[in-house]
Amino acid sequence: MFTVYVLYSPSHEKIYIGYTSNLEQRMLSHNRLGKKGWTIRYRPWEIVFTEEFEEKAEAMKRK
């Protein structure tokens, strides 16, 4: 199962769209554990939308 998700950073008014097979772990990475990448500059993130797909290819198309 893959989840497409939309994050919002209220403090910076930014939106991020991604997909993952483990949303809980991915959110930890976006908000706490990640050391590099675009999203670490705009913490904290809130989930504003999710949609689940059986196949990775489907999630990638939706993103």
N, C-alpha and C. Protein backbone atom coordinates (compact mmCIF):
# COMPACT_ATOMS: atom_id res chain seq x y z
N MET A 1 0.84 -1.18 0.00
CA MET A 1 0.00 0.00 0.00
C MET A 1 0.89 1.25 0.00
N PHE A 2 0.54 2.21 -0.82
CA PHE A 2 1.28 3.47 -0.91
C PHE A 2 0.32 4.63 -0.67
N THR A 3 0.81 5.63 0.01
CA THR A 3 0.01 6.80 0.34
C THR A 3 0.59 8.04 -0.31
N VAL A 4 -0.25 8.75 -1.05
CA VAL A 4 0.09 10.08 -1.53
C VAL A 4 -0.37 11.04 -0.44
N TYR A 5 0.47 12.01 -0.11
CA TYR A 5 0.12 12.92 0.98
C TYR A 5 0.47 14.36 0.61
N VAL A 6 -0.28 15.28 1.19
CA VAL A 6 -0.02 16.70 1.02
C VAL A 6 0.25 17.26 2.40
N LEU A 7 1.38 17.95 2.52
CA LEU A 7 1.75 18.59 3.78
C LEU A 7 1.65 20.10 3.63
N TYR A 8 1.36 20.76 4.76
CA TYR A 8 1.30 22.21 4.78
C TYR A 8 2.13 22.71 5.95
N SER A 9 2.93 23.73 5.69
CA SER A 9 3.72 24.39 6.73
C SER A 9 3.07 25.74 7.00
N PRO A 10 2.28 25.84 8.08
CA PRO A 10 1.59 27.11 8.35
C PRO A 10 2.55 28.27 8.65
N SER A 11 3.69 27.99 9.26
CA SER A 11 4.62 29.06 9.60
C SER A 11 5.32 29.66 8.38
N HIS A 12 5.39 28.89 7.28
CA HIS A 12 6.06 29.37 6.07
C HIS A 12 5.13 29.42 4.86
N GLU A 13 3.88 28.98 5.05
CA GLU A 13 2.88 28.94 3.98
C GLU A 13 3.39 28.18 2.75
N LYS A 14 3.93 27.00 2.99
CA LYS A 14 4.45 26.13 1.93
C LYS A 14 3.63 24.85 1.88
N ILE A 15 3.57 24.25 0.68
CA ILE A 15 2.90 22.97 0.47
C ILE A 15 3.92 22.00 -0.11
N TYR A 16 3.83 20.73 0.33
CA TYR A 16 4.71 19.68 -0.19
C TYR A 16 3.84 18.47 -0.51
N ILE A 17 4.07 17.84 -1.65
CA ILE A 17 3.34 16.64 -2.05
C ILE A 17 4.34 15.50 -2.21
N GLY A 18 4.02 14.36 -1.60
CA GLY A 18 4.91 13.21 -1.69
C GLY A 18 4.13 11.91 -1.65
N TYR A 19 4.85 10.80 -1.69
CA TYR A 19 4.23 9.48 -1.54
C TYR A 19 5.18 8.60 -0.76
N THR A 20 4.61 7.60 -0.08
CA THR A 20 5.40 6.72 0.76
C THR A 20 4.65 5.42 1.01
N SER A 21 5.38 4.43 1.47
CA SER A 21 4.74 3.18 1.90
C SER A 21 4.60 3.14 3.42
N ASN A 22 5.14 4.15 4.13
CA ASN A 22 5.05 4.21 5.59
C ASN A 22 4.91 5.67 6.01
N LEU A 23 3.67 6.14 6.10
CA LEU A 23 3.40 7.55 6.36
C LEU A 23 3.91 7.99 7.74
N GLU A 24 3.75 7.16 8.73
CA GLU A 24 4.20 7.52 10.08
C GLU A 24 5.72 7.79 10.10
N GLN A 25 6.48 6.89 9.52
CA GLN A 25 7.93 7.07 9.48
C GLN A 25 8.33 8.26 8.62
N ARG A 26 7.62 8.46 7.54
CA ARG A 26 7.93 9.58 6.65
C ARG A 26 7.68 10.92 7.35
N MET A 27 6.62 11.00 8.14
CA MET A 27 6.34 12.23 8.88
C MET A 27 7.42 12.50 9.92
N LEU A 28 7.92 11.46 10.56
CA LEU A 28 9.04 11.64 11.49
C LEU A 28 10.25 12.23 10.76
N SER A 29 10.49 11.76 9.56
CA SER A 29 11.60 12.26 8.78
C SER A 29 11.39 13.73 8.41
N HIS A 30 10.18 14.07 7.97
CA HIS A 30 9.90 15.46 7.58
C HIS A 30 10.00 16.41 8.78
N ASN A 31 9.49 15.99 9.93
CA ASN A 31 9.38 16.90 11.07
C ASN A 31 10.51 16.83 12.10
N ARG A 32 11.24 15.71 12.17
CA ARG A 32 12.25 15.59 13.22
C ARG A 32 13.57 14.97 12.79
N LEU A 33 13.52 13.82 12.16
CA LEU A 33 14.73 13.02 11.95
C LEU A 33 15.54 13.42 10.73
N GLY A 34 14.90 13.99 9.72
CA GLY A 34 15.61 14.32 8.49
C GLY A 34 16.69 15.36 8.71
N LYS A 35 17.83 15.16 8.08
CA LYS A 35 18.98 16.07 8.22
C LYS A 35 19.25 16.88 6.96
N LYS A 36 18.64 16.49 5.83
CA LYS A 36 18.85 17.22 4.59
C LYS A 36 17.57 17.18 3.77
N GLY A 37 17.54 18.02 2.77
CA GLY A 37 16.37 18.06 1.89
C GLY A 37 15.57 19.34 2.05
N TRP A 38 14.68 19.55 1.12
CA TRP A 38 13.89 20.78 1.06
C TRP A 38 12.97 20.94 2.26
N THR A 39 12.35 19.86 2.71
CA THR A 39 11.31 19.99 3.74
C THR A 39 11.84 20.38 5.12
N ILE A 40 13.11 20.13 5.41
CA ILE A 40 13.59 20.44 6.77
C ILE A 40 13.61 21.95 7.03
N ARG A 41 13.66 22.75 5.98
CA ARG A 41 13.70 24.21 6.15
C ARG A 41 12.37 24.80 6.56
N TYR A 42 11.29 24.06 6.37
CA TYR A 42 9.95 24.62 6.57
C TYR A 42 9.16 23.90 7.67
N ARG A 43 9.83 23.25 8.57
CA ARG A 43 9.18 22.56 9.69
C ARG A 43 8.46 23.56 10.58
N PRO A 44 7.40 23.15 11.24
CA PRO A 44 6.75 21.83 11.25
C PRO A 44 5.73 21.70 10.12
N TRP A 45 5.47 20.44 9.75
CA TRP A 45 4.52 20.11 8.71
C TRP A 45 3.26 19.49 9.30
N GLU A 46 2.13 19.77 8.67
CA GLU A 46 0.86 19.15 9.03
C GLU A 46 0.33 18.41 7.81
N ILE A 47 -0.27 17.24 8.02
CA ILE A 47 -0.89 16.50 6.92
C ILE A 47 -2.26 17.12 6.65
N VAL A 48 -2.50 17.50 5.41
CA VAL A 48 -3.80 18.08 5.06
C VAL A 48 -4.60 17.19 4.10
N PHE A 49 -3.94 16.16 3.51
CA PHE A 49 -4.64 15.28 2.59
C PHE A 49 -3.86 13.98 2.45
N THR A 50 -4.57 12.86 2.37
CA THR A 50 -3.95 11.57 2.06
C THR A 50 -4.87 10.80 1.12
N GLU A 51 -4.26 9.95 0.30
CA GLU A 51 -4.99 9.06 -0.59
C GLU A 51 -4.16 7.80 -0.75
N GLU A 52 -4.78 6.63 -0.62
CA GLU A 52 -4.05 5.37 -0.66
C GLU A 52 -4.21 4.65 -1.99
N PHE A 53 -3.13 3.95 -2.38
CA PHE A 53 -3.10 3.20 -3.63
C PHE A 53 -2.45 1.84 -3.38
N GLU A 54 -2.87 0.86 -4.13
CA GLU A 54 -2.31 -0.49 -4.02
C GLU A 54 -0.90 -0.56 -4.60
N GLU A 55 -0.68 0.13 -5.70
CA GLU A 55 0.59 0.03 -6.42
C GLU A 55 1.36 1.35 -6.38
N LYS A 56 2.68 1.23 -6.31
CA LYS A 56 3.54 2.41 -6.30
C LYS A 56 3.35 3.25 -7.56
N ALA A 57 3.22 2.60 -8.70
CA ALA A 57 3.05 3.32 -9.96
C ALA A 57 1.80 4.19 -9.95
N GLU A 58 0.74 3.71 -9.32
CA GLU A 58 -0.49 4.50 -9.22
C GLU A 58 -0.27 5.74 -8.37
N ALA A 59 0.43 5.57 -7.26
CA ALA A 59 0.73 6.70 -6.39
C ALA A 59 1.61 7.73 -7.09
N MET A 60 2.56 7.25 -7.85
CA MET A 60 3.46 8.16 -8.56
C MET A 60 2.70 8.97 -9.62
N LYS A 61 1.74 8.35 -10.27
CA LYS A 61 0.93 9.07 -11.27
C LYS A 61 0.08 10.14 -10.59
N ARG A 62 -0.48 9.82 -9.44
CA ARG A 62 -1.35 10.75 -8.72
C ARG A 62 -0.59 11.96 -8.21
N LYS A 63 0.63 11.70 -7.76
CA LYS A 63 1.45 12.77 -7.20
C LYS A 63 1.66 13.83 -8.25
